[in-house]
Amino acid sequence: MQRVWLAPVGTTAPEGPTIAMPTGWYDIGLFTPDSLNWATDPQFEEARAAQSNFPVRRWQTEDAATLEVDLLEWSLNSFRAVYGGGTIEEVTPTGDPTPPSYFKFTPPAIGSRTEVAACLELGDGLKRLRRIIPRCEQAEGVEQGFDRAAASTLPLRLSVLGSDVGAPYYDLISGTWAAFDPPTGP
């Protein structure tokens, strides 16, 4: 089981890895089996001394994380997700007595991307993990290919955003992923 859920920023997050998703969360759809990627990118500065070939001190100056999947489902929600927002209008053509409706999607203007909350849900037998990202944003352009011999996908690339309230992301875990040994000592 692999899913990505999205919600407006501030939506109540699930309190556990196996309970029903709270109101406001929506499943973004199926994605290709090999496209799921989670990456962190911490940045460090180092202090050097003339007496050592190795750094004598190191400190972290930045952090970054991204969640990536290639969506297989083309829905109004997936278009908004991969473009970082935008508007959707229902359009009914004139001149036809029973016109079919269709939808017009307009990508967001520069500076108006929408932040979202995300939840990556993974399962393996009785093991369950939900990675909760309270704030993130689509931070890349969209490149679509239309190959006759392959499925056309929508690339969802979410960059984690920090906050002054709570962690930028956290995991809810159940099952026997690993024995939990709390740290001891100073």
C-alpha atoms as a PDB file:
ATOM      1  CA  MET A   1       0.000   0.000   0.000  1.00  0.00           C
ATOM      2  CA  GLN A   2       1.427   3.335  -1.071  1.00  0.00           C
ATOM      3  CA  ARG A   3      -0.583   6.553  -1.153  1.00  0.00           C
ATOM      4  CA  VAL A   4      -0.097  10.280  -1.055  1.00  0.00           C
ATOM      5  CA  TRP A   5      -2.787  12.379   0.592  1.00  0.00           C
ATOM      6  CA  LEU A   6      -3.048  16.182   0.385  1.00  0.00           C
ATOM      7  CA  ALA A   7      -5.011  18.749   2.399  1.00  0.00           C
ATOM      8  CA  PRO A   8      -5.079  22.489   2.978  1.00  0.00           C
ATOM      9  CA  VAL A   9      -2.376  23.683   5.384  1.00  0.00           C
ATOM     10  CA  GLY A  10      -3.735  23.571   8.941  1.00  0.00           C
ATOM     11  CA  THR A  11      -5.996  20.547   8.361  1.00  0.00           C
ATOM     12  CA  THR A  12      -5.949  18.176  11.339  1.00  0.00           C
ATOM     13  CA  ALA A  13      -3.380  15.441  10.726  1.00  0.00           C
ATOM     14  CA  PRO A  14      -4.132  11.798  11.507  1.00  0.00           C
ATOM     15  CA  GLU A  15      -3.145  10.826  15.042  1.00  0.00           C
ATOM     16  CA  GLY A  16      -1.900   7.369  14.101  1.00  0.00           C
ATOM     17  CA  PRO A  17      -0.693   5.267  11.180  1.00  0.00           C
ATOM     18  CA  THR A  18      -3.825   3.104  10.844  1.00  0.00           C
ATOM     19  CA  ILE A  19      -6.812   5.298  11.711  1.00  0.00           C
ATOM     20  CA  ALA A  20      -9.063   6.833   9.042  1.00  0.00           C
ATOM     21  CA  MET A  21      -7.818  10.039   7.490  1.00  0.00           C
ATOM     22  CA  PRO A  22      -9.483  13.087   9.053  1.00  0.00           C
ATOM     23  CA  THR A  23     -11.910  15.264   7.111  1.00  0.00           C
ATOM     24  CA  GLY A  24     -10.243  17.507   4.554  1.00  0.00           C
ATOM     25  CA  TRP A  25      -7.630  15.033   3.275  1.00  0.00           C
ATOM     26  CA  TYR A  26      -7.938  13.633  -0.254  1.00  0.00           C
ATOM     27  CA  ASP A  27      -6.073  10.801  -1.968  1.00  0.00           C
ATOM     28  CA  ILE A  28      -4.113  12.270  -4.887  1.00  0.00           C
ATOM     29  CA  GLY A  29      -4.390   9.053  -6.914  1.00  0.00           C
ATOM     30  CA  LEU A  30      -2.252   6.226  -8.193  1.00  0.00           C
ATOM     31  CA  PHE A  31       1.419   6.748  -9.022  1.00  0.00           C
ATOM     32  CA  THR A  32       4.010   4.682 -10.871  1.00  0.00           C
ATOM     33  CA  PRO A  33       5.607   1.919  -8.776  1.00  0.00           C
ATOM     34  CA  ASP A  34       9.196   3.127  -9.074  1.00  0.00           C
ATOM     35  CA  SER A  35       8.625   6.873  -8.828  1.00  0.00           C
ATOM     36  CA  LEU A  36       8.299   7.245  -5.041  1.00  0.00           C
ATOM     37  CA  ASN A  37      11.323   9.130  -3.727  1.00  0.00           C
ATOM     38  CA  TRP A  38      11.962  10.845  -0.401  1.00  0.00           C
ATOM     39  CA  ALA A  39      15.189  12.834  -0.100  1.00  0.00           C
ATOM     40  CA  THR A  40      16.732  15.009   2.586  1.00  0.00           C
ATOM     41  CA  ASP A  41      19.560  17.450   1.891  1.00  0.00           C
ATOM     42  CA  PRO A  42      21.250  18.852   5.005  1.00  0.00           C
ATOM     43  CA  GLN A  43      23.968  21.502   4.463  1.00  0.00           C
ATOM     44  CA  PHE A  44      26.994  21.904   6.734  1.00  0.00           C
ATOM     45  CA  GLU A  45      29.798  24.374   7.384  1.00  0.00           C
ATOM     46  CA  GLU A  46      33.162  23.243   8.694  1.00  0.00           C
ATOM     47  CA  ALA A  47      35.939  24.846  10.686  1.00  0.00           C
ATOM     48  CA  ARG A  48      39.488  23.793   9.840  1.00  0.00           C
ATOM     49  CA  ALA A  49      42.742  24.158  11.720  1.00  0.00           C
ATOM     50  CA  ALA A  50      46.286  24.257  10.363  1.00  0.00           C
ATOM     51  CA  GLN A  51      47.215  21.314  12.576  1.00  0.00           C
ATOM     52  CA  SER A  52      44.661  18.884  11.084  1.00  0.00           C
ATOM     53  CA  ASN A  53      43.780  17.500   7.669  1.00  0.00           C
ATOM     54  CA  PHE A  54      40.240  16.951   8.963  1.00  0.00           C
ATOM     55  CA  PRO A  55      37.629  19.475  10.032  1.00  0.00           C
ATOM     56  CA  VAL A  56      37.846  20.235  13.753  1.00  0.00           C
ATOM     57  CA  ARG A  57      34.219  21.263  14.012  1.00  0.00           C
ATOM     58  CA  ARG A  58      31.077  20.994  11.878  1.00  0.00           C
ATOM     59  CA  TRP A  59      27.627  22.545  12.216  1.00  0.00           C
ATOM     60  CA  GLN A  60      24.454  22.242  10.216  1.00  0.00           C
ATOM     61  CA  THR A  61      23.353  25.462   8.497  1.00  0.00           C
ATOM     62  CA  GLU A  62      20.361  24.368   6.390  1.00  0.00           C
ATOM     63  CA  ASP A  63      18.008  21.488   5.802  1.00  0.00           C
ATOM     64  CA  ALA A  64      15.750  20.514   2.929  1.00  0.00           C
ATOM     65  CA  ALA A  65      13.505  17.570   2.051  1.00  0.00           C
ATOM     66  CA  THR A  66      11.429  16.581  -0.973  1.00  0.00           C
ATOM     67  CA  LEU A  67       8.724  14.037  -1.756  1.00  0.00           C
ATOM     68  CA  GLU A  68       8.433  12.931  -5.392  1.00  0.00           C
ATOM     69  CA  VAL A  69       5.955  10.712  -7.243  1.00  0.00           C
ATOM     70  CA  ASP A  70       4.780  10.436 -10.845  1.00  0.00           C
ATOM     71  CA  LEU A  71       0.982  10.464 -10.789  1.00  0.00           C
ATOM     72  CA  LEU A  72      -0.916   8.179 -13.160  1.00  0.00           C
ATOM     73  CA  GLU A  73      -4.348   9.672 -12.545  1.00  0.00           C
ATOM     74  CA  TRP A  74      -5.364  12.850 -14.320  1.00  0.00           C
ATOM     75  CA  SER A  75      -7.952  14.534 -12.135  1.00  0.00           C
ATOM     76  CA  LEU A  76      -8.702  18.133 -11.265  1.00  0.00           C
ATOM     77  CA  ASN A  77      -7.005  17.610  -7.875  1.00  0.00           C
ATOM     78  CA  SER A  78      -3.885  16.093  -9.456  1.00  0.00           C
ATOM     79  CA  PHE A  79      -3.565  18.991 -11.919  1.00  0.00           C
ATOM     80  CA  ARG A  80      -3.783  21.514  -9.087  1.00  0.00           C
ATOM     81  CA  ALA A  81      -1.248  19.508  -7.056  1.00  0.00           C
ATOM     82  CA  VAL A  82       1.412  19.195  -9.771  1.00  0.00           C
ATOM     83  CA  TYR A  83       1.107  22.825 -10.877  1.00  0.00           C
ATOM     84  CA  GLY A  84       1.107  24.176  -7.315  1.00  0.00           C
ATOM     85  CA  GLY A  85      -2.427  25.547  -7.422  1.00  0.00           C
ATOM     86  CA  GLY A  86      -4.424  27.191 -10.152  1.00  0.00           C
ATOM     87  CA  THR A  87      -8.081  27.596 -10.921  1.00  0.00           C
ATOM     88  CA  ILE A  88     -10.674  25.254 -12.376  1.00  0.00           C
ATOM     89  CA  GLU A  89     -13.854  26.429 -14.093  1.00  0.00           C
ATOM     90  CA  GLU A  90     -16.706  24.384 -15.476  1.00  0.00           C
ATOM     91  CA  VAL A  91     -17.429  25.481 -19.041  1.00  0.00           C
ATOM     92  CA  THR A  92     -20.640  24.772 -20.947  1.00  0.00           C
ATOM     93  CA  PRO A  93     -20.452  25.552 -24.670  1.00  0.00           C
ATOM     94  CA  THR A  94     -23.263  27.551 -26.224  1.00  0.00           C
ATOM     95  CA  GLY A  95     -25.102  26.712 -29.432  1.00  0.00           C
ATOM     96  CA  ASP A  96     -25.770  23.028 -28.636  1.00  0.00           C
ATOM     97  CA  PRO A  97     -29.165  22.155 -27.061  1.00  0.00           C
ATOM     98  CA  THR A  98     -27.544  19.507 -24.816  1.00  0.00           C
ATOM     99  CA  PRO A  99     -23.930  20.641 -24.573  1.00  0.00           C
ATOM    100  CA  PRO A 100     -21.503  18.518 -22.625  1.00  0.00           C
ATOM    101  CA  SER A 101     -19.638  20.342 -19.896  1.00  0.00           C
ATOM    102  CA  TYR A 102     -15.895  20.387 -19.691  1.00  0.00           C
ATOM    103  CA  PHE A 103     -13.362  21.945 -17.344  1.00  0.00           C
ATOM    104  CA  LYS A 104     -10.810  24.681 -17.919  1.00  0.00           C
ATOM    105  CA  PHE A 105      -7.648  24.515 -15.796  1.00  0.00           C
ATOM    106  CA  THR A 106      -5.483  27.634 -15.495  1.00  0.00           C
ATOM    107  CA  PRO A 107      -2.069  27.231 -13.777  1.00  0.00           C
ATOM    108  CA  PRO A 108      -1.231  29.656 -10.944  1.00  0.00           C
ATOM    109  CA  ALA A 109       0.323  33.023 -11.732  1.00  0.00           C
ATOM    110  CA  ILE A 110       3.868  33.767 -10.609  1.00  0.00           C
ATOM    111  CA  GLY A 111       3.861  34.218  -6.844  1.00  0.00           C
ATOM    112  CA  SER A 112       0.533  32.499  -6.236  1.00  0.00           C
ATOM    113  CA  ARG A 113       1.473  28.849  -5.712  1.00  0.00           C
ATOM    114  CA  THR A 114      -0.559  27.168  -2.996  1.00  0.00           C
ATOM    115  CA  GLU A 115       0.998  25.500   0.033  1.00  0.00           C
ATOM    116  CA  VAL A 116      -0.506  22.156   1.051  1.00  0.00           C
ATOM    117  CA  ALA A 117      -0.152  19.570   3.792  1.00  0.00           C
ATOM    118  CA  ALA A 118       0.888  16.082   2.650  1.00  0.00           C
ATOM    119  CA  CYS A 119       0.797  12.579   4.060  1.00  0.00           C
ATOM    120  CA  LEU A 120       2.806   9.727   2.545  1.00  0.00           C
ATOM    121  CA  GLU A 121       1.269   6.398   3.527  1.00  0.00           C
ATOM    122  CA  LEU A 122       3.285   3.169   3.271  1.00  0.00           C
ATOM    123  CA  GLY A 123       2.374  -0.351   4.306  1.00  0.00           C
ATOM    124  CA  ASP A 124       3.998  -3.755   4.329  1.00  0.00           C
ATOM    125  CA  GLY A 125       1.867  -6.467   5.921  1.00  0.00           C
ATOM    126  CA  LEU A 126       1.116  -5.271   9.462  1.00  0.00           C
ATOM    127  CA  LYS A 127       3.717  -2.513   9.282  1.00  0.00           C
ATOM    128  CA  ARG A 128       2.317   0.955   8.610  1.00  0.00           C
ATOM    129  CA  LEU A 129       4.018   4.322   8.239  1.00  0.00           C
ATOM    130  CA  ARG A 130       2.566   7.753   7.646  1.00  0.00           C
ATOM    131  CA  ARG A 131       4.996  10.604   6.998  1.00  0.00           C
ATOM    132  CA  ILE A 132       3.195  13.842   7.810  1.00  0.00           C
ATOM    133  CA  ILE A 133       4.353  17.077   6.151  1.00  0.00           C
ATOM    134  CA  PRO A 134       2.376  20.012   7.616  1.00  0.00           C
ATOM    135  CA  ARG A 135       3.564  22.486   4.928  1.00  0.00           C
ATOM    136  CA  CYS A 136       4.957  21.858   1.460  1.00  0.00           C
ATOM    137  CA  GLU A 137       4.790  23.284  -2.013  1.00  0.00           C
ATOM    138  CA  GLN A 138       5.223  22.081  -5.586  1.00  0.00           C
ATOM    139  CA  ALA A 139       8.591  23.614  -6.405  1.00  0.00           C
ATOM    140  CA  GLU A 140       9.464  22.420  -9.892  1.00  0.00           C
ATOM    141  CA  GLY A 141       8.161  22.873 -13.384  1.00  0.00           C
ATOM    142  CA  VAL A 142       5.965  20.248 -15.006  1.00  0.00           C
ATOM    143  CA  GLU A 143       7.368  18.162 -17.829  1.00  0.00           C
ATOM    144  CA  GLN A 144       4.881  15.865 -19.522  1.00  0.00           C
ATOM    145  CA  GLY A 145       5.633  13.300 -22.195  1.00  0.00           C
ATOM    146  CA  PHE A 146       3.022  11.739 -24.423  1.00  0.00           C
ATOM    147  CA  ASP A 147       4.590   8.487 -25.613  1.00  0.00           C
ATOM    148  CA  ARG A 148       2.321   6.024 -27.431  1.00  0.00           C
ATOM    149  CA  ALA A 149       4.041   3.068 -25.762  1.00  0.00           C
ATOM    150  CA  ALA A 150       3.986   4.310 -22.155  1.00  0.00           C
ATOM    151  CA  ALA A 151       1.634   5.842 -19.629  1.00  0.00           C
ATOM    152  CA  SER A 152       1.597   9.620 -19.449  1.00  0.00           C
ATOM    153  CA  THR A 153       2.296  10.843 -15.935  1.00  0.00           C
ATOM    154  CA  LEU A 154       2.076  14.057 -13.929  1.00  0.00           C
ATOM    155  CA  PRO A 155       5.226  14.769 -11.844  1.00  0.00           C
ATOM    156  CA  LEU A 156       4.439  15.746  -8.250  1.00  0.00           C
ATOM    157  CA  ARG A 157       7.547  17.234  -6.579  1.00  0.00           C
ATOM    158  CA  LEU A 158       6.796  18.612  -3.115  1.00  0.00           C
ATOM    159  CA  SER A 159       9.414  20.623  -1.223  1.00  0.00           C
ATOM    160  CA  VAL A 160       9.042  20.609   2.564  1.00  0.00           C
ATOM    161  CA  LEU A 161       8.624  24.060   4.125  1.00  0.00           C
ATOM    162  CA  GLY A 162       9.632  24.881   7.676  1.00  0.00           C
ATOM    163  CA  SER A 163       7.468  26.377  10.366  1.00  0.00           C
ATOM    164  CA  ASP A 164       7.860  28.038  13.713  1.00  0.00           C
ATOM    165  CA  VAL A 165       5.271  25.597  15.090  1.00  0.00           C
ATOM    166  CA  GLY A 166       6.185  21.906  15.191  1.00  0.00           C
ATOM    167  CA  ALA A 167       8.473  19.786  13.077  1.00  0.00           C
ATOM    168  CA  PRO A 168       8.710  20.255   9.289  1.00  0.00           C
ATOM    169  CA  TYR A 169       7.825  16.532   8.968  1.00  0.00           C
ATOM    170  CA  TYR A 170       7.373  13.538  11.237  1.00  0.00           C
ATOM    171  CA  ASP A 171       6.523   9.824  11.047  1.00  0.00           C
ATOM    172  CA  LEU A 172       3.739   7.793  12.640  1.00  0.00           C
ATOM    173  CA  ILE A 173       4.786   4.131  12.760  1.00  0.00           C
ATOM    174  CA  SER A 174       3.063   0.876  13.775  1.00  0.00           C
ATOM    175  CA  GLY A 175       4.054  -2.757  13.642  1.00  0.00           C
ATOM    176  CA  THR A 176       7.499  -4.171  14.217  1.00  0.00           C
ATOM    177  CA  TRP A 177       9.638  -1.902  12.021  1.00  0.00           C
ATOM    178  CA  ALA A 178      12.438  -2.098  14.559  1.00  0.00           C
ATOM    179  CA  ALA A 179      12.820  -2.511  18.274  1.00  0.00           C
ATOM    180  CA  PHE A 180      12.461   0.829  20.021  1.00  0.00           C
ATOM    181  CA  ASP A 181      15.395   1.406  22.319  1.00  0.00           C
ATOM    182  CA  PRO A 182      15.178   4.811  23.994  1.00  0.00           C
ATOM    183  CA  PRO A 183      18.576   6.500  24.283  1.00  0.00           C
ATOM    184  CA  THR A 184      20.267   6.306  27.657  1.00  0.00           C
ATOM    185  CA  GLY A 185      22.925   8.405  29.260  1.00  0.00           C
ATOM    186  CA  PRO A 186      23.796  12.059  28.872  1.00  0.00           C
END
